[in-house]
Amino acid sequence: MSEKEMRGGAEEVRDRLPDEQTICDLAELFKMFGDPTRAKILGCLQVRDLCVGELAEILDMSLSAVSHQLRVLRGAKLVRRSKEGKEARYALDDDHVIKIMEYGLTHVREDRQ
């Protein structure tokens, strides 16, 4: 391949890259999955919608620690909250989050089979 062809190929790739802000936003999104506690919460919510108390019991954590992580996940639009009387139930925000979890788990389990 000539130098001109390589430069043209590099320009094509550069042109197709998302803009800098989008890349930063993507990196921030993936950081949310980088914390084991948040990953556990998301895993629980894959099974069913849960309230803070249920999550705290399942994960053997304090209510305040679970609430803090849920606030972080809500801020990242990964979980949503719905009020049921005095309780708030949490669920994965949308199908994108479900797919990210499914694909991530499939990927990490590949070598274990």
Foldseek 3Di string as FASTA:
>chain_A
DDPVVVVVVVVVVVVPDDDPVVVVLVVVLVVLCVDPLSVVVQVVLLVHKAWLVVSCVVVVHDSVVSVVNVVVCVVNQQKDWDDDPPTIIIHGRDVVSVVVSVVVVCVVCVVVD
